Amino acid sequence: VQGGNKAVGYGSLLKDNAAKQLFDGRCTSGYSGGFALYKIYGAA
């Protein structure tokens, strides 16, 4: 993660199983078809 002229840390992560659960659950609703997966992941 860039603060400007230097790095200030790393972005946060989910474990792969948690990401699988996240997408399986979030992508079940009819309205969610257009949601970008990377957006869901980054916010979680």
All heavy atoms as atom14 arrays in JSON, in Angstrom:
{
  "sequence": "VQGGNKAVGYGSLLKDNAAKQLFDGRCTSGYSGGFALYKIYGAA",
  "atom14_mask": [
    [1, 1, 1, 1, 1, 1, 1, 0, 0, 0, 0, 0, 0, 0],
    [1, 1, 1, 1, 1, 1, 1, 1, 1, 0, 0, 0, 0, 0],
    [1, 1, 1, 1, 0, 0, 0, 0, 0, 0, 0, 0, 0, 0],
    [1, 1, 1, 1, 0, 0, 0, 0, 0, 0, 0, 0, 0, 0],
    [1, 1, 1, 1, 1, 1, 1, 1, 0, 0, 0, 0, 0, 0],
    [1, 1, 1, 1, 1, 1, 1, 1, 1, 0, 0, 0, 0, 0],
    [1, 1, 1, 1, 1, 0, 0, 0, 0, 0, 0, 0, 0, 0],
    [1, 1, 1, 1, 1, 1, 1, 0, 0, 0, 0, 0, 0, 0],
    [1, 1, 1, 1, 0, 0, 0, 0, 0, 0, 0, 0, 0, 0],
    [1, 1, 1, 1, 1, 1, 1, 1, 1, 1, 1, 1, 0, 0],
    [1, 1, 1, 1, 0, 0, 0, 0, 0, 0, 0, 0, 0, 0],
    [1, 1, 1, 1, 1, 1, 0, 0, 0, 0, 0, 0, 0, 0],
    [1, 1, 1, 1, 1, 1, 1, 1, 0, 0, 0, 0, 0, 0],
    [1, 1, 1, 1, 1, 1, 1, 1, 0, 0, 0, 0, 0, 0],
    [1, 1, 1, 1, 1, 1, 1, 1, 1, 0, 0, 0, 0, 0],
    [1, 1, 1, 1, 1, 1, 1, 1, 0, 0, 0, 0, 0, 0],
    [1, 1, 1, 1, 1, 1, 1, 1, 0, 0, 0, 0, 0, 0],
    [1, 1, 1, 1, 1, 0, 0, 0, 0, 0, 0, 0, 0, 0],
    [1, 1, 1, 1, 1, 0, 0, 0, 0, 0, 0, 0, 0, 0],
    [1, 1, 1, 1, 1, 1, 1, 1, 1, 0, 0, 0, 0, 0],
    [1, 1, 1, 1, 1, 1, 1, 1, 1, 0, 0, 0, 0, 0],
    [1, 1, 1, 1, 1, 1, 1, 1, 0, 0, 0, 0, 0, 0],
    [1, 1, 1, 1, 1, 1, 1, 1, 1, 1, 1, 0, 0, 0],
    [1, 1, 1, 1, 1, 1, 1, 1, 0, 0, 0, 0, 0, 0],
    [1, 1, 1, 1, 0, 0, 0, 0, 0, 0, 0, 0, 0, 0],
    [1, 1, 1, 1, 1, 1, 1, 1, 1, 1, 1, 0, 0, 0],
    [1, 1, 1, 1, 1, 1, 0, 0, 0, 0, 0, 0, 0, 0],
    [1, 1, 1, 1, 1, 1, 1, 0, 0, 0, 0, 0, 0, 0],
    [1, 1, 1, 1, 1, 1, 0, 0, 0, 0, 0, 0, 0, 0],
    [1, 1, 1, 1, 0, 0, 0, 0, 0, 0, 0, 0, 0, 0],
    [1, 1, 1, 1, 1, 1, 1, 1, 1, 1, 1, 1, 0, 0],
    [1, 1, 1, 1, 1, 1, 0, 0, 0, 0, 0, 0, 0, 0],
    [1, 1, 1, 1, 0, 0, 0, 0, 0, 0, 0, 0, 0, 0],
    [1, 1, 1, 1, 0, 0, 0, 0, 0, 0, 0, 0, 0, 0],
    [1, 1, 1, 1, 1, 1, 1, 1, 1, 1, 1, 0, 0, 0],
    [1, 1, 1, 1, 1, 0, 0, 0, 0, 0, 0, 0, 0, 0],
    [1, 1, 1, 1, 1, 1, 1, 1, 0, 0, 0, 0, 0, 0],
    [1, 1, 1, 1, 1, 1, 1, 1, 1, 1, 1, 1, 0, 0],
    [1, 1, 1, 1, 1, 1, 1, 1, 1, 0, 0, 0, 0, 0],
    [1, 1, 1, 1, 1, 1, 1, 1, 0, 0, 0, 0, 0, 0],
    [1, 1, 1, 1, 1, 1, 1, 1, 1, 1, 1, 1, 0, 0],
    [1, 1, 1, 1, 0, 0, 0, 0, 0, 0, 0, 0, 0, 0],
    [1, 1, 1, 1, 1, 0, 0, 0, 0, 0, 0, 0, 0, 0],
    [1, 1, 1, 1, 1, 0, 0, 0, 0, 0, 0, 0, 0, 0]
  ],
  "atom14_positions": [
    [[0.86, -1.17, 0.0], [0.0, 0.0, 0.0], [0.9, 1.23, 0.0], [1.76, 1.38, 0.87], [-0.93, 0.0, 1.24], [-1.72, 1.29, 1.31], [-1.84, -1.21, 1.2], [0.0, 0.0, 0.0], [0.0, 0.0, 0.0], [0.0, 0.0, 0.0], [0.0, 0.0, 0.0], [0.0, 0.0, 0.0], [0.0, 0.0, 0.0], [0.0, 0.0, 0.0]],
    [[0.71, 2.1, -1.0], [1.58, 3.25, -1.18], [1.01, 4.48, -0.49], [-0.14, 4.84, -0.7], [1.77, 3.55, -2.68], [2.28, 2.38, -3.5], [3.68, 1.96, -3.08], [4.47, 2.78, -2.64], [3.97, 0.67, -3.23], [0.0, 0.0, 0.0], [0.0, 0.0, 0.0], [0.0, 0.0, 0.0], [0.0, 0.0, 0.0], [0.0, 0.0, 0.0]],
    [[1.83, 5.09, 0.33], [1.41, 6.32, 0.98], [1.73, 7.56, 0.17], [1.26, 8.63, 0.48], [0.0, 0.0, 0.0], [0.0, 0.0, 0.0], [0.0, 0.0, 0.0], [0.0, 0.0, 0.0], [0.0, 0.0, 0.0], [0.0, 0.0, 0.0], [0.0, 0.0, 0.0], [0.0, 0.0, 0.0], [0.0, 0.0, 0.0], [0.0, 0.0, 0.0]],
    [[2.52, 7.42, -0.86], [2.94, 8.55, -1.69], [4.34, 8.33, -2.17], [4.57, 7.86, -3.28], [0.0, 0.0, 0.0], [0.0, 0.0, 0.0], [0.0, 0.0, 0.0], [0.0, 0.0, 0.0], [0.0, 0.0, 0.0], [0.0, 0.0, 0.0], [0.0, 0.0, 0.0], [0.0, 0.0, 0.0], [0.0, 0.0, 0.0], [0.0, 0.0, 0.0]],
    [[5.31, 8.62, -1.31], [6.71, 8.41, -1.69], [7.31, 7.16, -1.04], [8.5, 6.92, -1.16], [7.55, 9.64, -1.32], [7.5, 9.96, 0.17], [6.88, 9.25, 0.95], [8.14, 11.06, 0.54], [0.0, 0.0, 0.0], [0.0, 0.0, 0.0], [0.0, 0.0, 0.0], [0.0, 0.0, 0.0], [0.0, 0.0, 0.0], [0.0, 0.0, 0.0]],
    [[6.47, 6.37, -0.35], [6.96, 5.12, 0.23], [5.79, 4.21, 0.53], [4.63, 4.64, 0.56], [7.74, 5.4, 1.52], [6.9, 6.0, 2.64], [7.74, 6.23, 3.89], [6.87, 6.81, 5.01], [7.65, 7.03, 6.24], [0.0, 0.0, 0.0], [0.0, 0.0, 0.0], [0.0, 0.0, 0.0], [0.0, 0.0, 0.0], [0.0, 0.0, 0.0]],
    [[6.1, 2.94, 0.75], [5.08, 1.98, 1.14], [4.79, 2.11, 2.63], [5.69, 2.36, 3.43], [5.54, 0.56, 0.82], [0.0, 0.0, 0.0], [0.0, 0.0, 0.0], [0.0, 0.0, 0.0], [0.0, 0.0, 0.0], [0.0, 0.0, 0.0], [0.0, 0.0, 0.0], [0.0, 0.0, 0.0], [0.0, 0.0, 0.0], [0.0, 0.0, 0.0]],
    [[3.51, 1.94, 3.0], [3.12, 2.06, 4.41], [2.6, 0.75, 4.98], [2.26, 0.67, 6.15], [2.05, 3.16, 4.59], [2.61, 4.52, 4.22], [0.81, 2.85, 3.77], [0.0, 0.0, 0.0], [0.0, 0.0, 0.0], [0.0, 0.0, 0.0], [0.0, 0.0, 0.0], [0.0, 0.0, 0.0], [0.0, 0.0, 0.0], [0.0, 0.0, 0.0]],
    [[2.52, -0.29, 4.17], [2.03, -1.58, 4.65], [1.63, -2.45, 3.48], [1.94, -2.16, 2.32], [0.0, 0.0, 0.0], [0.0, 0.0, 0.0], [0.0, 0.0, 0.0], [0.0, 0.0, 0.0], [0.0, 0.0, 0.0], [0.0, 0.0, 0.0], [0.0, 0.0, 0.0], [0.0, 0.0, 0.0], [0.0, 0.0, 0.0], [0.0, 0.0, 0.0]],
    [[0.96, -3.54, 3.8], [0.38, -4.43, 2.79], [-1.14, -4.4, 2.9], [-1.7, -4.17, 3.98], [0.85, -5.88, 3.01], [2.31, -6.12, 2.73], [3.22, -6.3, 3.77], [2.79, -6.18, 1.42], [4.57, -6.53, 3.52], [4.13, -6.41, 1.16], [5.02, -6.58, 2.22], [6.34, -6.8, 1.96], [0.0, 0.0, 0.0], [0.0, 0.0, 0.0]],
    [[-1.81, -4.66, 1.8], [-3.25, -4.79, 1.82], [-3.69, -6.03, 2.58], [-2.98, -7.04, 2.62], [0.0, 0.0, 0.0], [0.0, 0.0, 0.0], [0.0, 0.0, 0.0], [0.0, 0.0, 0.0], [0.0, 0.0, 0.0], [0.0, 0.0, 0.0], [0.0, 0.0, 0.0], [0.0, 0.0, 0.0], [0.0, 0.0, 0.0], [0.0, 0.0, 0.0]],
    [[-4.85, -5.97, 3.19], [-5.35, -7.08, 3.98], [-5.88, -8.2, 3.08], [-6.31, -7.96, 1.96], [-6.46, -6.61, 4.92], [-5.95, -5.68, 5.85], [0.0, 0.0, 0.0], [0.0, 0.0, 0.0], [0.0, 0.0, 0.0], [0.0, 0.0, 0.0], [0.0, 0.0, 0.0], [0.0, 0.0, 0.0], [0.0, 0.0, 0.0], [0.0, 0.0, 0.0]],
    [[-5.87, -9.43, 3.64], [-6.23, -10.61, 2.86], [-7.27, -11.46, 3.57], [-7.44, -11.39, 4.79], [-5.0, -11.49, 2.6], [-3.89, -10.91, 1.73], [-2.74, -11.91, 1.65], [-4.41, -10.58, 0.36], [0.0, 0.0, 0.0], [0.0, 0.0, 0.0], [0.0, 0.0, 0.0], [0.0, 0.0, 0.0], [0.0, 0.0, 0.0], [0.0, 0.0, 0.0]],
    [[-7.96, -12.28, 2.78], [-8.76, -13.38, 3.29], [-8.05, -14.69, 2.97], [-7.34, -14.79, 1.97], [-10.14, -13.4, 2.61], [-11.06, -12.19, 2.81], [-12.28, -12.32, 1.92], [-11.46, -12.05, 4.26], [0.0, 0.0, 0.0], [0.0, 0.0, 0.0], [0.0, 0.0, 0.0], [0.0, 0.0, 0.0], [0.0, 0.0, 0.0], [0.0, 0.0, 0.0]],
    [[-8.26, -15.7, 3.8], [-7.8, -17.03, 3.43], [-8.66, -17.53, 2.27], [-9.8, -17.13, 2.1], [-7.9, -17.96, 4.63], [-6.94, -17.57, 5.76], [-7.02, -18.53, 6.94], [-6.03, -18.12, 8.02], [-6.08, -19.03, 9.19], [0.0, 0.0, 0.0], [0.0, 0.0, 0.0], [0.0, 0.0, 0.0], [0.0, 0.0, 0.0], [0.0, 0.0, 0.0]],
    [[-8.08, -18.43, 1.48], [-8.77, -18.87, 0.26], [-10.13, -19.48, 0.56], [-11.09, -19.26, -0.18], [-7.89, -19.86, -0.51], [-6.69, -19.19, -1.16], [-6.62, -17.94, -1.15], [-5.81, -19.91, -1.67], [0.0, 0.0, 0.0], [0.0, 0.0, 0.0], [0.0, 0.0, 0.0], [0.0, 0.0, 0.0], [0.0, 0.0, 0.0], [0.0, 0.0, 0.0]],
    [[-10.23, -20.27, 1.64], [-11.52, -20.86, 1.97], [-12.55, -19.79, 2.33], [-13.72, -19.9, 1.97], [-11.37, -21.84, 3.13], [-10.76, -23.16, 2.7], [-10.94, -23.56, 1.55], [-10.05, -23.81, 3.58], [0.0, 0.0, 0.0], [0.0, 0.0, 0.0], [0.0, 0.0, 0.0], [0.0, 0.0, 0.0], [0.0, 0.0, 0.0], [0.0, 0.0, 0.0]],
    [[-12.09, -18.77, 3.04], [-13.01, -17.68, 3.39], [-13.46, -16.93, 2.14], [-14.62, -16.54, 2.03], [-12.32, -16.72, 4.36], [0.0, 0.0, 0.0], [0.0, 0.0, 0.0], [0.0, 0.0, 0.0], [0.0, 0.0, 0.0], [0.0, 0.0, 0.0], [0.0, 0.0, 0.0], [0.0, 0.0, 0.0], [0.0, 0.0, 0.0], [0.0, 0.0, 0.0]],
    [[-12.54, -16.74, 1.18], [-12.92, -16.07, -0.07], [-13.93, -16.91, -0.84], [-14.88, -16.38, -1.43], [-11.68, -15.83, -0.92], [0.0, 0.0, 0.0], [0.0, 0.0, 0.0], [0.0, 0.0, 0.0], [0.0, 0.0, 0.0], [0.0, 0.0, 0.0], [0.0, 0.0, 0.0], [0.0, 0.0, 0.0], [0.0, 0.0, 0.0], [0.0, 0.0, 0.0]],
    [[-13.74, -18.23, -0.85], [-14.69, -19.13, -1.5], [-16.07, -18.99, -0.86], [-17.09, -18.87, -1.56], [-14.18, -20.56, -1.38], [-15.19, -21.66, -1.66], [-15.52, -21.8, -3.12], [-16.36, -23.07, -3.34], [-16.87, -23.16, -4.71], [0.0, 0.0, 0.0], [0.0, 0.0, 0.0], [0.0, 0.0, 0.0], [0.0, 0.0, 0.0], [0.0, 0.0, 0.0]],
    [[-16.12, -18.97, 0.46], [-17.38, -18.8, 1.16], [-18.0, -17.44, 0.85], [-19.21, -17.32, 0.66], [-17.17, -18.94, 2.67], [-16.88, -20.37, 3.12], [-16.68, -20.45, 4.62], [-15.94, -19.66, 5.18], [-17.35, -21.39, 5.25], [0.0, 0.0, 0.0], [0.0, 0.0, 0.0], [0.0, 0.0, 0.0], [0.0, 0.0, 0.0], [0.0, 0.0, 0.0]],
    [[-17.16, -16.44, 0.83], [-17.62, -15.09, 0.53], [-18.31, -15.03, -0.82], [-19.44, -14.55, -0.95], [-16.43, -14.13, 0.57], [-16.61, -12.72, -0.01], [-17.63, -11.95, 0.8], [-15.28, -11.99, -0.01], [0.0, 0.0, 0.0], [0.0, 0.0, 0.0], [0.0, 0.0, 0.0], [0.0, 0.0, 0.0], [0.0, 0.0, 0.0], [0.0, 0.0, 0.0]],
    [[-17.67, -15.52, -1.85], [-18.23, -15.44, -3.2], [-19.43, -16.36, -3.37], [-20.42, -16.0, -4.01], [-17.16, -15.77, -4.24], [-16.01, -14.8, -4.27], [-14.73, -15.23, -4.59], [-16.2, -13.46, -3.99], [-13.66, -14.35, -4.62], [-15.14, -12.56, -4.01], [-13.87, -13.01, -4.33], [0.0, 0.0, 0.0], [0.0, 0.0, 0.0], [0.0, 0.0, 0.0]],
    [[-19.36, -17.57, -2.79], [-20.51, -18.47, -2.88], [-21.75, -17.84, -2.27], [-22.85, -17.92, -2.82], [-20.21, -19.79, -2.15], [-19.37, -20.75, -2.98], [-19.2, -20.51, -4.19], [-18.88, -21.75, -2.41], [0.0, 0.0, 0.0], [0.0, 0.0, 0.0], [0.0, 0.0, 0.0], [0.0, 0.0, 0.0], [0.0, 0.0, 0.0], [0.0, 0.0, 0.0]],
    [[-21.57, -17.19, -1.13], [-22.72, -16.6, -0.46], [-23.19, -15.33, -1.14], [-24.39, -15.13, -1.34], [0.0, 0.0, 0.0], [0.0, 0.0, 0.0], [0.0, 0.0, 0.0], [0.0, 0.0, 0.0], [0.0, 0.0, 0.0], [0.0, 0.0, 0.0], [0.0, 0.0, 0.0], [0.0, 0.0, 0.0], [0.0, 0.0, 0.0], [0.0, 0.0, 0.0]],
    [[-22.24, -14.47, -1.5], [-22.62, -13.14, -2.0], [-23.19, -13.21, -3.4], [-23.98, -12.34, -3.8], [-21.4, -12.23, -1.97], [-21.74, -10.76, -2.13], [-22.74, -10.33, -1.05], [-23.06, -8.94, -1.12], [-24.3, -8.46, -1.01], [-25.31, -9.28, -0.87], [-24.52, -7.17, -1.03], [0.0, 0.0, 0.0], [0.0, 0.0, 0.0], [0.0, 0.0, 0.0]],
    [[-22.84, -14.22, -4.16], [-23.23, -14.29, -5.57], [-24.52, -15.07, -5.8], [-24.85, -15.41, -6.93], [-22.1, -14.9, -6.4], [-20.63, -13.84, -6.52], [0.0, 0.0, 0.0], [0.0, 0.0, 0.0], [0.0, 0.0, 0.0], [0.0, 0.0, 0.0], [0.0, 0.0, 0.0], [0.0, 0.0, 0.0], [0.0, 0.0, 0.0], [0.0, 0.0, 0.0]],
    [[-25.26, -15.36, -4.72], [-26.49, -16.12, -4.88], [-27.69, -15.25, -5.21], [-28.66, -15.72, -5.78], [-26.79, -16.92, -3.6], [-26.85, -16.01, -2.49], [-25.71, -17.96, -3.35], [0.0, 0.0, 0.0], [0.0, 0.0, 0.0], [0.0, 0.0, 0.0], [0.0, 0.0, 0.0], [0.0, 0.0, 0.0], [0.0, 0.0, 0.0], [0.0, 0.0, 0.0]],
    [[-27.66, -13.98, -4.85], [-28.8, -13.1, -5.07], [-28.9, -12.69, -6.53], [-27.9, -12.49, -7.21], [-28.69, -11.85, -4.2], [-28.68, -12.21, -2.83], [0.0, 0.0, 0.0], [0.0, 0.0, 0.0], [0.0, 0.0, 0.0], [0.0, 0.0, 0.0], [0.0, 0.0, 0.0], [0.0, 0.0, 0.0], [0.0, 0.0, 0.0], [0.0, 0.0, 0.0]],
    [[-30.11, -12.55, -7.0], [-30.31, -12.23, -8.41], [-29.73, -10.9, -8.82], [-29.34, -10.72, -9.98], [0.0, 0.0, 0.0], [0.0, 0.0, 0.0], [0.0, 0.0, 0.0], [0.0, 0.0, 0.0], [0.0, 0.0, 0.0], [0.0, 0.0, 0.0], [0.0, 0.0, 0.0], [0.0, 0.0, 0.0], [0.0, 0.0, 0.0], [0.0, 0.0, 0.0]],
    [[-29.64, -9.95, -7.89], [-29.14, -8.61, -8.23], [-27.63, -8.56, -8.39], [-27.08, -7.59, -8.88], [-29.52, -7.62, -7.12], [-28.67, -7.79, -5.88], [-27.5, -7.07, -5.7], [-29.01, -8.74, -4.94], [-26.7, -7.26, -4.6], [-28.22, -8.93, -3.84], [-27.07, -8.2, -3.67], [-26.28, -8.41, -2.57], [0.0, 0.0, 0.0], [0.0, 0.0, 0.0]],
    [[-26.9, -9.61, -7.94], [-25.45, -9.5, -7.77], [-24.65, -9.89, -9.01], [-23.42, -9.86, -8.96], [-25.0, -10.39, -6.6], [-25.27, -11.76, -6.88], [0.0, 0.0, 0.0], [0.0, 0.0, 0.0], [0.0, 0.0, 0.0], [0.0, 0.0, 0.0], [0.0, 0.0, 0.0], [0.0, 0.0, 0.0], [0.0, 0.0, 0.0], [0.0, 0.0, 0.0]],
    [[-25.3, -10.24, -10.1], [-24.57, -10.74, -11.26], [-23.48, -9.84, -11.77], [-22.43, -10.29, -12.22], [0.0, 0.0, 0.0], [0.0, 0.0, 0.0], [0.0, 0.0, 0.0], [0.0, 0.0, 0.0], [0.0, 0.0, 0.0], [0.0, 0.0, 0.0], [0.0, 0.0, 0.0], [0.0, 0.0, 0.0], [0.0, 0.0, 0.0], [0.0, 0.0, 0.0]],
    [[-23.68, -8.53, -11.69], [-22.69, -7.59, -12.22], [-21.6, -7.21, -11.26], [-20.68, -6.47, -11.61], [0.0, 0.0, 0.0], [0.0, 0.0, 0.0], [0.0, 0.0, 0.0], [0.0, 0.0, 0.0], [0.0, 0.0, 0.0], [0.0, 0.0, 0.0], [0.0, 0.0, 0.0], [0.0, 0.0, 0.0], [0.0, 0.0, 0.0], [0.0, 0.0, 0.0]],
    [[-21.66, -7.68, -10.02], [-20.66, -7.3, -9.03], [-19.29, -7.87, -9.39], [-19.14, -9.06, -9.64], [-21.03, -7.8, -7.64], [-22.14, -7.03, -6.99], [-22.78, -6.0, -7.63], [-22.54, -7.35, -5.71], [-23.8, -5.29, -7.03], [-23.57, -6.66, -5.08], [-24.19, -5.62, -5.75], [0.0, 0.0, 0.0], [0.0, 0.0, 0.0], [0.0, 0.0, 0.0]],
    [[-18.27, -7.04, -9.37], [-16.9, -7.49, -9.62], [-16.38, -8.19, -8.36], [-16.45, -7.66, -7.26], [-16.01, -6.31, -9.98], [0.0, 0.0, 0.0], [0.0, 0.0, 0.0], [0.0, 0.0, 0.0], [0.0, 0.0, 0.0], [0.0, 0.0, 0.0], [0.0, 0.0, 0.0], [0.0, 0.0, 0.0], [0.0, 0.0, 0.0], [0.0, 0.0, 0.0]],
    [[-15.81, -9.38, -8.55], [-15.35, -10.18, -7.41], [-14.26, -9.47, -6.62], [-14.22, -9.54, -5.39], [-14.85, -11.54, -7.9], [-15.88, -12.43, -8.6], [-15.22, -13.71, -9.1], [-17.05, -12.76, -7.68], [0.0, 0.0, 0.0], [0.0, 0.0, 0.0], [0.0, 0.0, 0.0], [0.0, 0.0, 0.0], [0.0, 0.0, 0.0], [0.0, 0.0, 0.0]],
    [[-13.36, -8.78, -7.32], [-12.26, -8.14, -6.6], [-12.75, -7.03, -5.7], [-12.15, -6.73, -4.67], [-11.2, -7.63, -7.58], [-11.53, -6.32, -8.26], [-11.17, -5.1, -7.72], [-12.2, -6.31, -9.49], [-11.46, -3.91, -8.35], [-12.49, -5.12, -10.13], [-12.13, -3.93, -9.56], [-12.43, -2.75, -10.19], [0.0, 0.0, 0.0], [0.0, 0.0, 0.0]],
    [[-13.87, -6.4, -6.04], [-14.44, -5.37, -5.18], [-14.99, -5.99, -3.89], [-14.79, -5.47, -2.79], [-15.54, -4.62, -5.93], [-15.02, -3.7, -7.02], [-16.18, -3.04, -7.74], [-15.68, -1.98, -8.72], [-15.39, -0.71, -8.05], [0.0, 0.0, 0.0], [0.0, 0.0, 0.0], [0.0, 0.0, 0.0], [0.0, 0.0, 0.0], [0.0, 0.0, 0.0]],
    [[-15.71, -7.09, -4.03], [-16.25, -7.78, -2.87], [-15.12, -8.21, -1.94], [-15.16, -8.01, -0.72], [-17.08, -9.0, -3.3], [-18.28, -8.56, -4.15], [-17.56, -9.79, -2.1], [-19.06, -9.71, -4.75], [0.0, 0.0, 0.0], [0.0, 0.0, 0.0], [0.0, 0.0, 0.0], [0.0, 0.0, 0.0], [0.0, 0.0, 0.0], [0.0, 0.0, 0.0]],
    [[-14.09, -8.79, -2.53], [-12.95, -9.3, -1.75], [-12.24, -8.15, -1.02], [-11.96, -8.24, 0.18], [-11.98, -10.01, -2.68], [-10.81, -10.68, -2.01], [-10.74, -12.06, -1.91], [-9.75, -9.94, -1.48], [-9.66, -12.69, -1.31], [-8.67, -10.56, -0.87], [-8.63, -11.93, -0.8], [-7.56, -12.55, -0.2], [0.0, 0.0, 0.0], [0.0, 0.0, 0.0]],
    [[-11.91, -7.09, -1.73], [-11.13, -6.0, -1.12], [-11.84, -5.37, 0.06], [-11.22, -5.06, 1.08], [0.0, 0.0, 0.0], [0.0, 0.0, 0.0], [0.0, 0.0, 0.0], [0.0, 0.0, 0.0], [0.0, 0.0, 0.0], [0.0, 0.0, 0.0], [0.0, 0.0, 0.0], [0.0, 0.0, 0.0], [0.0, 0.0, 0.0], [0.0, 0.0, 0.0]],
    [[-13.15, -5.21, -0.05], [-13.89, -4.61, 1.04], [-13.96, -5.53, 2.24], [-13.84, -5.11, 3.39], [-15.29, -4.25, 0.56], [0.0, 0.0, 0.0], [0.0, 0.0, 0.0], [0.0, 0.0, 0.0], [0.0, 0.0, 0.0], [0.0, 0.0, 0.0], [0.0, 0.0, 0.0], [0.0, 0.0, 0.0], [0.0, 0.0, 0.0], [0.0, 0.0, 0.0]],
    [[-14.17, -6.82, 1.99], [-14.25, -7.78, 3.09], [-12.92, -7.86, 3.84], [-12.88, -7.84, 5.07], [-14.63, -9.16, 2.55], [0.0, 0.0, 0.0], [0.0, 0.0, 0.0], [0.0, 0.0, 0.0], [0.0, 0.0, 0.0], [0.0, 0.0, 0.0], [0.0, 0.0, 0.0], [0.0, 0.0, 0.0], [0.0, 0.0, 0.0], [0.0, 0.0, 0.0]]
  ]
}
